[in-house]
C-alpha atoms as a PDB file:
ATOM      1  CA  MET A   1      87.939  97.309 -49.011  1.00  0.00           C
ATOM      2  CA  ALA A   2      89.967  94.286 -50.115  1.00  0.00           C
ATOM      3  CA  GLN A   3      93.673  94.477 -50.839  1.00  0.00           C
ATOM      4  CA  LEU A   4      96.322  92.124 -52.215  1.00  0.00           C
ATOM      5  CA  VAL A   5      99.433  91.021 -50.321  1.00  0.00           C
ATOM      6  CA  TYR A   6     102.129  88.825 -51.750  1.00  0.00           C
ATOM      7  CA  GLY A   7     105.261  86.806 -51.082  1.00  0.00           C
ATOM      8  CA  LYS A   8     105.663  83.357 -49.552  1.00  0.00           C
ATOM      9  CA  ASN A   9     106.593  84.438 -46.038  1.00  0.00           C
ATOM     10  CA  VAL A  10     103.774  86.982 -45.925  1.00  0.00           C
ATOM     11  CA  VAL A  11     101.191  84.384 -47.023  1.00  0.00           C
ATOM     12  CA  LEU A  12     102.564  81.741 -44.658  1.00  0.00           C
ATOM     13  CA  ASN A  13     102.323  84.094 -41.732  1.00  0.00           C
ATOM     14  CA  LEU A  14      98.710  84.845 -42.605  1.00  0.00           C
ATOM     15  CA  LEU A  15      97.898  81.154 -42.772  1.00  0.00           C
ATOM     16  CA  LYS A  16      99.728  80.310 -39.561  1.00  0.00           C
ATOM     17  CA  ARG A  17      97.895  83.082 -37.670  1.00  0.00           C
ATOM     18  CA  ASN A  18      94.523  82.108 -39.167  1.00  0.00           C
ATOM     19  CA  LYS A  19      94.079  85.593 -40.563  1.00  0.00           C
ATOM     20  CA  GLU A  20      91.014  85.768 -42.751  1.00  0.00           C
ATOM     21  CA  ILE A  21      91.950  85.269 -46.444  1.00  0.00           C
ATOM     22  CA  ASP A  22      89.196  85.801 -48.973  1.00  0.00           C
ATOM     23  CA  LEU A  23      91.054  84.147 -51.850  1.00  0.00           C
ATOM     24  CA  LEU A  24      94.577  82.768 -52.333  1.00  0.00           C
ATOM     25  CA  TYR A  25      96.303  82.582 -55.700  1.00  0.00           C
ATOM     26  CA  ILE A  26      99.083  80.022 -56.058  1.00  0.00           C
ATOM     27  CA  GLN A  27     101.330  79.639 -59.079  1.00  0.00           C
ATOM     28  CA  LYS A  28     101.144  76.257 -60.835  1.00  0.00           C
ATOM     29  CA  SER A  29     104.781  75.452 -60.067  1.00  0.00           C
ATOM     30  CA  ARG A  30     104.299  76.034 -56.322  1.00  0.00           C
ATOM     31  CA  THR A  31     101.652  73.441 -55.525  1.00  0.00           C
ATOM     32  CA  ASP A  32     103.769  71.004 -53.611  1.00  0.00           C
ATOM     33  CA  ASP A  33     104.729  72.966 -50.514  1.00  0.00           C
ATOM     34  CA  ASP A  34     103.443  74.068 -47.106  1.00  0.00           C
ATOM     35  CA  VAL A  35     101.366  77.034 -48.405  1.00  0.00           C
ATOM     36  CA  LEU A  36      98.974  74.820 -50.260  1.00  0.00           C
ATOM     37  CA  TYR A  37      98.934  72.322 -47.374  1.00  0.00           C
ATOM     38  CA  LEU A  38      97.917  75.018 -44.847  1.00  0.00           C
ATOM     39  CA  ALA A  39      95.417  76.534 -47.285  1.00  0.00           C
ATOM     40  CA  LYS A  40      93.670  73.150 -47.543  1.00  0.00           C
ATOM     41  CA  LYS A  41      93.922  72.518 -43.818  1.00  0.00           C
ATOM     42  CA  ASN A  42      92.372  75.947 -43.047  1.00  0.00           C
ATOM     43  CA  ASN A  43      89.707  75.617 -45.737  1.00  0.00           C
ATOM     44  CA  ILE A  44      90.936  78.662 -47.641  1.00  0.00           C
ATOM     45  CA  ASN A  45      89.529  79.312 -51.055  1.00  0.00           C
ATOM     46  CA  TYR A  46      92.407  79.125 -53.544  1.00  0.00           C
ATOM     47  CA  GLU A  47      93.043  79.105 -57.222  1.00  0.00           C
ATOM     48  CA  ILE A  48      96.002  77.569 -59.107  1.00  0.00           C
ATOM     49  CA  VAL A  49      97.073  80.069 -61.820  1.00  0.00           C
ATOM     50  CA  ASP A  50      99.986  80.733 -64.113  1.00  0.00           C
ATOM     51  CA  ARG A  51     102.724  83.257 -63.426  1.00  0.00           C
ATOM     52  CA  LYS A  52     101.459  85.751 -65.986  1.00  0.00           C
ATOM     53  CA  PHE A  53      98.160  86.004 -64.113  1.00  0.00           C
ATOM     54  CA  LEU A  54     100.050  86.831 -60.879  1.00  0.00           C
ATOM     55  CA  ASP A  55     102.343  89.284 -62.604  1.00  0.00           C
ATOM     56  CA  ASN A  56      99.261  91.226 -63.785  1.00  0.00           C
ATOM     57  CA  LEU A  57      97.863  91.410 -60.261  1.00  0.00           C
ATOM     58  CA  VAL A  58     100.788  93.011 -58.458  1.00  0.00           C
ATOM     59  CA  ASP A  59     103.906  95.013 -59.259  1.00  0.00           C
ATOM     60  CA  GLY A  60     106.399  93.172 -57.133  1.00  0.00           C
ATOM     61  CA  ASN A  61     108.127  89.873 -56.412  1.00  0.00           C
ATOM     62  CA  HIS A  62     105.142  87.719 -55.476  1.00  0.00           C
ATOM     63  CA  GLN A  63     107.193  84.450 -55.408  1.00  0.00           C
ATOM     64  CA  GLY A  64     104.144  82.606 -56.713  1.00  0.00           C
ATOM     65  CA  TYR A  65     101.755  83.584 -53.909  1.00  0.00           C
ATOM     66  CA  ILE A  66      99.130  86.331 -53.667  1.00  0.00           C
ATOM     67  CA  ALA A  67      96.413  86.592 -51.053  1.00  0.00           C
ATOM     68  CA  GLN A  68      93.327  88.751 -51.208  1.00  0.00           C
ATOM     69  CA  ILE A  69      92.468  89.998 -47.685  1.00  0.00           C
ATOM     70  CA  LYS A  70      90.347  92.662 -46.106  1.00  0.00           C
ATOM     71  CA  GLU A  71      92.017  96.025 -45.380  1.00  0.00           C
ATOM     72  CA  TYR A  72      94.537  95.901 -42.534  1.00  0.00           C
ATOM     73  CA  LYS A  73      92.957  96.887 -39.247  1.00  0.00           C
ATOM     74  CA  THR A  74      94.029 100.036 -37.454  1.00  0.00           C
ATOM     75  CA  TYR A  75      93.360 100.936 -33.818  1.00  0.00           C
ATOM     76  CA  THR A  76      92.660 104.018 -31.773  1.00  0.00           C
ATOM     77  CA  ILE A  77      95.250 105.288 -29.335  1.00  0.00           C
ATOM     78  CA  ALA A  78      92.869 104.346 -26.483  1.00  0.00           C
ATOM     79  CA  GLU A  79      92.655 100.785 -27.734  1.00  0.00           C
ATOM     80  CA  ILE A  80      96.420 100.475 -27.972  1.00  0.00           C
ATOM     81  CA  ILE A  81      96.922 101.803 -24.463  1.00  0.00           C
ATOM     82  CA  ALA A  82      94.175  99.619 -23.049  1.00  0.00           C
ATOM     83  CA  ALA A  83      95.884  96.543 -24.465  1.00  0.00           C
ATOM     84  CA  ILE A  84      99.247  97.202 -22.774  1.00  0.00           C
ATOM     85  CA  PRO A  85      99.801  94.483 -20.084  1.00  0.00           C
ATOM     86  CA  GLN A  86      99.602  95.650 -16.504  1.00  0.00           C
ATOM     87  CA  GLY A  87     103.094  96.301 -15.125  1.00  0.00           C
ATOM     88  CA  LYS A  88     104.700  96.719 -18.533  1.00  0.00           C
ATOM     89  CA  GLN A  89     106.576  99.931 -19.222  1.00  0.00           C
ATOM     90  CA  PRO A  90     104.680 101.396 -22.243  1.00  0.00           C
ATOM     91  CA  LEU A  91     106.582 102.014 -25.507  1.00  0.00           C
ATOM     92  CA  LEU A  92     105.036 103.623 -28.551  1.00  0.00           C
ATOM     93  CA  VAL A  93     106.625 104.683 -31.849  1.00  0.00           C
ATOM     94  CA  ALA A  94     105.283 107.728 -33.716  1.00  0.00           C
ATOM     95  CA  LEU A  95     106.279 108.323 -37.343  1.00  0.00           C
ATOM     96  CA  ASP A  96     106.261 111.940 -38.508  1.00  0.00           C
ATOM     97  CA  GLY A  97     105.542 111.923 -42.245  1.00  0.00           C
ATOM     98  CA  LEU A  98     107.304 108.653 -43.124  1.00  0.00           C
ATOM     99  CA  GLU A  99     106.631 108.012 -46.851  1.00  0.00           C
ATOM    100  CA  ASP A 100     108.643 104.889 -47.752  1.00  0.00           C
ATOM    101  CA  PRO A 101     106.655 101.653 -47.315  1.00  0.00           C
ATOM    102  CA  HIS A 102     109.947  99.742 -46.960  1.00  0.00           C
ATOM    103  CA  ASN A 103     110.856 101.890 -43.914  1.00  0.00           C
ATOM    104  CA  LEU A 104     107.449 101.373 -42.331  1.00  0.00           C
ATOM    105  CA  GLY A 105     107.651  97.602 -42.905  1.00  0.00           C
ATOM    106  CA  ALA A 106     111.151  97.446 -41.398  1.00  0.00           C
ATOM    107  CA  ILE A 107     110.073  99.517 -38.388  1.00  0.00           C
ATOM    108  CA  LEU A 108     107.089  97.235 -37.736  1.00  0.00           C
ATOM    109  CA  ARG A 109     109.397  94.235 -37.892  1.00  0.00           C
ATOM    110  CA  THR A 110     111.751  95.719 -35.289  1.00  0.00           C
ATOM    111  CA  ALA A 111     108.834  96.885 -33.225  1.00  0.00           C
ATOM    112  CA  ALA A 112     107.476  93.351 -33.012  1.00  0.00           C
ATOM    113  CA  CYS A 113     110.911  92.038 -32.026  1.00  0.00           C
ATOM    114  CA  VAL A 114     111.302  94.379 -29.087  1.00  0.00           C
ATOM    115  CA  GLY A 115     107.706  94.422 -27.868  1.00  0.00           C
ATOM    116  CA  VAL A 116     106.585  97.895 -28.952  1.00  0.00           C
ATOM    117  CA  ASP A 117     102.941  98.402 -27.914  1.00  0.00           C
ATOM    118  CA  GLY A 118     101.878 100.424 -30.924  1.00  0.00           C
ATOM    119  CA  VAL A 119     103.000 102.483 -33.900  1.00  0.00           C
ATOM    120  CA  ILE A 120     101.313 105.824 -34.711  1.00  0.00           C
ATOM    121  CA  ILE A 121     101.110 107.228 -38.227  1.00  0.00           C
ATOM    122  CA  GLU A 122      99.217 110.185 -39.636  1.00  0.00           C
ATOM    123  CA  LYS A 123      96.273 109.675 -41.996  1.00  0.00           C
ATOM    124  CA  ASN A 124      97.396 112.228 -44.593  1.00  0.00           C
ATOM    125  CA  ARG A 125     101.158 112.503 -44.205  1.00  0.00           C
ATOM    126  CA  SER A 126     102.358 108.951 -44.016  1.00  0.00           C
ATOM    127  CA  VAL A 127     102.469 105.753 -46.020  1.00  0.00           C
ATOM    128  CA  SER A 128      99.521 103.512 -45.353  1.00  0.00           C
ATOM    129  CA  LEU A 129      99.453  99.796 -44.528  1.00  0.00           C
ATOM    130  CA  ASN A 130      99.807  98.193 -47.927  1.00  0.00           C
ATOM    131  CA  SER A 131     101.164  95.102 -49.606  1.00  0.00           C
ATOM    132  CA  THR A 132     104.771  96.388 -49.684  1.00  0.00           C
ATOM    133  CA  VAL A 133     104.681  97.205 -45.993  1.00  0.00           C
ATOM    134  CA  ALA A 134     103.242  93.719 -45.284  1.00  0.00           C
ATOM    135  CA  LYS A 135     105.991  91.952 -47.324  1.00  0.00           C
ATOM    136  CA  VAL A 136     108.851  93.893 -45.732  1.00  0.00           C
ATOM    137  CA  SER A 137     107.410  93.419 -42.229  1.00  0.00           C
ATOM    138  CA  VAL A 138     107.356  89.619 -42.674  1.00  0.00           C
ATOM    139  CA  GLY A 139     104.192  89.194 -40.579  1.00  0.00           C
ATOM    140  CA  ALA A 140     104.831  92.003 -38.071  1.00  0.00           C
ATOM    141  CA  ILE A 141     101.969  93.992 -39.628  1.00  0.00           C
ATOM    142  CA  ASP A 142      99.671  91.454 -38.018  1.00  0.00           C
ATOM    143  CA  ILE A 143     101.365  91.697 -34.617  1.00  0.00           C
ATOM    144  CA  VAL A 144     101.992  95.382 -33.967  1.00  0.00           C
ATOM    145  CA  LYS A 145      98.982  97.595 -33.495  1.00  0.00           C
ATOM    146  CA  VAL A 146      98.952 100.667 -35.727  1.00  0.00           C
ATOM    147  CA  ALA A 147      96.934 103.846 -35.062  1.00  0.00           C
ATOM    148  CA  LYS A 148      96.152 106.435 -37.682  1.00  0.00           C
ATOM    149  CA  VAL A 149      95.698 109.956 -36.293  1.00  0.00           C
ATOM    150  CA  THR A 150      94.686 113.205 -37.874  1.00  0.00           C
ATOM    151  CA  ASN A 151      97.079 115.475 -36.014  1.00  0.00           C
ATOM    152  CA  LEU A 152     100.310 113.997 -34.636  1.00  0.00           C
ATOM    153  CA  SER A 153     101.204 117.061 -32.544  1.00  0.00           C
ATOM    154  CA  GLN A 154      97.873 116.985 -30.754  1.00  0.00           C
ATOM    155  CA  THR A 155      98.230 113.217 -30.228  1.00  0.00           C
ATOM    156  CA  LEU A 156     101.653 113.702 -28.620  1.00  0.00           C
ATOM    157  CA  ASN A 157     100.290 116.454 -26.375  1.00  0.00           C
ATOM    158  CA  SER A 158      97.496 114.162 -25.238  1.00  0.00           C
ATOM    159  CA  LEU A 159      99.962 111.321 -24.498  1.00  0.00           C
ATOM    160  CA  LYS A 160     102.214 113.687 -22.529  1.00  0.00           C
ATOM    161  CA  ALA A 161      99.193 114.657 -20.419  1.00  0.00           C
ATOM    162  CA  ASN A 162      98.809 110.940 -19.656  1.00  0.00           C
ATOM    163  CA  GLY A 163     102.345 110.483 -18.386  1.00  0.00           C
ATOM    164  CA  TYR A 164     104.259 109.636 -21.529  1.00  0.00           C
ATOM    165  CA  TRP A 165     107.651 111.173 -22.334  1.00  0.00           C
ATOM    166  CA  VAL A 166     108.135 112.119 -25.965  1.00  0.00           C
ATOM    167  CA  ILE A 167     111.643 111.410 -27.295  1.00  0.00           C
ATOM    168  CA  GLY A 168     112.447 112.592 -30.818  1.00  0.00           C
ATOM    169  CA  THR A 169     115.392 112.065 -33.108  1.00  0.00           C
ATOM    170  CA  ASP A 170     117.219 115.183 -34.212  1.00  0.00           C
ATOM    171  CA  MET A 171     120.743 116.342 -35.064  1.00  0.00           C
ATOM    172  CA  GLN A 172     120.447 119.731 -33.447  1.00  0.00           C
ATOM    173  CA  GLU A 173     120.076 120.608 -29.763  1.00  0.00           C
ATOM    174  CA  ALA A 174     120.061 116.886 -28.994  1.00  0.00           C
ATOM    175  CA  VAL A 175     121.873 114.651 -26.519  1.00  0.00           C
ATOM    176  CA  ASP A 176     123.630 111.378 -27.245  1.00  0.00           C
ATOM    177  CA  TYR A 177     121.012 108.624 -27.345  1.00  0.00           C
ATOM    178  CA  ARG A 178     123.152 106.547 -24.913  1.00  0.00           C
ATOM    179  CA  SER A 179     122.911 109.164 -22.169  1.00  0.00           C
ATOM    180  CA  VAL A 180     119.113 108.927 -21.660  1.00  0.00           C
ATOM    181  CA  ASP A 181     117.286 106.826 -19.042  1.00  0.00           C
ATOM    182  CA  TYR A 182     114.520 105.126 -20.974  1.00  0.00           C
ATOM    183  CA  ASN A 183     112.829 103.479 -18.028  1.00  0.00           C
ATOM    184  CA  MET A 184     109.609 105.478 -18.291  1.00  0.00           C
ATOM    185  CA  PRO A 185     106.519 105.495 -20.541  1.00  0.00           C
ATOM    186  CA  ILE A 186     107.898 106.556 -23.929  1.00  0.00           C
ATOM    187  CA  VAL A 187     106.712 107.686 -27.323  1.00  0.00           C
ATOM    188  CA  LEU A 188     109.706 107.502 -29.677  1.00  0.00           C
ATOM    189  CA  VAL A 189     109.298 109.915 -32.603  1.00  0.00           C
ATOM    190  CA  ILE A 190     111.023 109.138 -35.913  1.00  0.00           C
ATOM    191  CA  GLY A 191     111.076 111.928 -38.476  1.00  0.00           C
ATOM    192  CA  SER A 192     110.497 111.630 -42.230  1.00  0.00           C
ATOM    193  CA  GLU A 193     113.148 110.602 -44.705  1.00  0.00           C
ATOM    194  CA  GLY A 194     115.429 113.551 -45.421  1.00  0.00           C
ATOM    195  CA  LYS A 195     113.330 116.155 -43.627  1.00  0.00           C
ATOM    196  CA  GLY A 196     113.222 114.909 -40.071  1.00  0.00           C
ATOM    197  CA  MET A 197     110.575 116.048 -37.595  1.00  0.00           C
ATOM    198  CA  ARG A 198     108.365 119.025 -38.377  1.00  0.00           C
ATOM    199  CA  ARG A 199     108.604 122.084 -36.141  1.00  0.00           C
ATOM    200  CA  LEU A 200     105.433 121.537 -34.105  1.00  0.00           C
ATOM    201  CA  VAL A 201     106.284 117.878 -33.571  1.00  0.00           C
ATOM    202  CA  LYS A 202     109.803 118.816 -32.520  1.00  0.00           C
ATOM    203  CA  GLU A 203     108.453 121.343 -30.039  1.00  0.00           C
ATOM    204  CA  ASN A 204     106.424 118.623 -28.384  1.00  0.00           C
ATOM    205  CA  CYS A 205     109.493 116.514 -27.646  1.00  0.00           C
ATOM    206  CA  ASP A 206     110.597 116.365 -24.029  1.00  0.00           C
ATOM    207  CA  ILE A 207     114.015 114.991 -25.092  1.00  0.00           C
ATOM    208  CA  ARG A 208     115.775 115.006 -28.420  1.00  0.00           C
ATOM    209  CA  VAL A 209     118.418 112.416 -29.058  1.00  0.00           C
ATOM    210  CA  MET A 210     121.066 111.967 -31.724  1.00  0.00           C
ATOM    211  CA  LEU A 211     123.074 109.022 -33.008  1.00  0.00           C
ATOM    212  CA  PRO A 212     126.830 109.877 -33.283  1.00  0.00           C
ATOM    213  CA  MET A 213     128.214 109.787 -36.772  1.00  0.00           C
ATOM    214  CA  GLU A 214     131.883 109.042 -37.423  1.00  0.00           C
ATOM    215  CA  SER A 215     131.672 110.073 -41.059  1.00  0.00           C
ATOM    216  CA  ASP A 216     129.993 112.975 -42.882  1.00  0.00           C
ATOM    217  CA  ILE A 217     127.303 110.848 -44.442  1.00  0.00           C
ATOM    218  CA  GLY A 218     124.330 112.898 -43.333  1.00  0.00           C
ATOM    219  CA  SER A 219     122.070 110.567 -41.365  1.00  0.00           C
ATOM    220  CA  LEU A 220     121.001 106.957 -40.954  1.00  0.00           C
ATOM    221  CA  ASN A 221     118.028 105.485 -42.793  1.00  0.00           C
ATOM    222  CA  ALA A 222     114.873 106.133 -40.729  1.00  0.00           C
ATOM    223  CA  SER A 223     114.204 102.419 -40.064  1.00  0.00           C
ATOM    224  CA  VAL A 224     117.843 101.788 -39.115  1.00  0.00           C
ATOM    225  CA  ALA A 225     117.876 104.735 -36.683  1.00  0.00           C
ATOM    226  CA  CYS A 226     114.586 103.485 -35.205  1.00  0.00           C
ATOM    227  CA  ALA A 227     116.031 100.009 -34.728  1.00  0.00           C
ATOM    228  CA  VAL A 228     119.121 101.327 -32.960  1.00  0.00           C
ATOM    229  CA  LEU A 229     117.025 103.363 -30.585  1.00  0.00           C
ATOM    230  CA  LEU A 230     114.511 100.632 -29.901  1.00  0.00           C
ATOM    231  CA  TYR A 231     117.239  98.165 -29.008  1.00  0.00           C
ATOM    232  CA  GLN A 232     118.898 100.768 -26.729  1.00  0.00           C
ATOM    233  CA  ILE A 233     115.581 101.073 -24.924  1.00  0.00           C
ATOM    234  CA  TYR A 234     115.232  97.286 -24.822  1.00  0.00           C
ATOM    235  CA  SER A 235     118.763  96.801 -23.447  1.00  0.00           C
ATOM    236  CA  GLN A 236     118.092  99.284 -20.621  1.00  0.00           C
ATOM    237  CA  ARG A 237     114.753  97.790 -19.720  1.00  0.00           C
ATOM    238  CA  PHE A 238     115.957  94.197 -19.904  1.00  0.00           C
ATOM    239  CA  PRO A 239     119.653  94.243 -18.896  1.00  0.00           C
ATOM    240  CA  LEU A 240     121.722  91.100 -18.784  1.00  0.00           C
ATOM    241  CA  LYS A 241     121.925  89.596 -15.294  1.00  0.00           C
END
């Protein structure tokens, strides 16, 4: 099934990575830049249209560019694991019921920056890969492999049986995130906005970590918390020499 993605950086990343684009729409006032140049160079079918036409296609800031592409590809857990380079310490991120596409896009962007091997979402309890996720991820949606699973708890159990340690974020019965040794195969679990991890997911965690809070503000945004933890893992695995 085809879908529409939009925004200059999103479209540029698609063109630079030679991702298949069925049709590209470019606003009349945007015909003198690198998007049109790459579209012509890559033999992409494109149409020059007015802004009103683009406004009617998507509900968002398209910046004069909309691409029609095939549905974003997802992978199986086995495919993600098989693609991990030999000798690399595996790192997966599992999202328990994340609903905000902006959070998913931001998490994919950070995941690409620190070399996460794959992100796991649930088919029925999570936001899907859509145009908003693509725009916020600024191309990371095409870099980080995403798996859709039916049951996250069962998936975590299976990964644990294969040597992964499941580390979840929680504010109760948790240790300071800075006190953990992350030099092991890890699945980092990020709970949903406002609700956190569900009970069965929480019970599958080998370690629960918390981020200290100096003010009574509740908790960090899910994508921000994920970024902090991923860079803590990265800094341990690749310390300055």
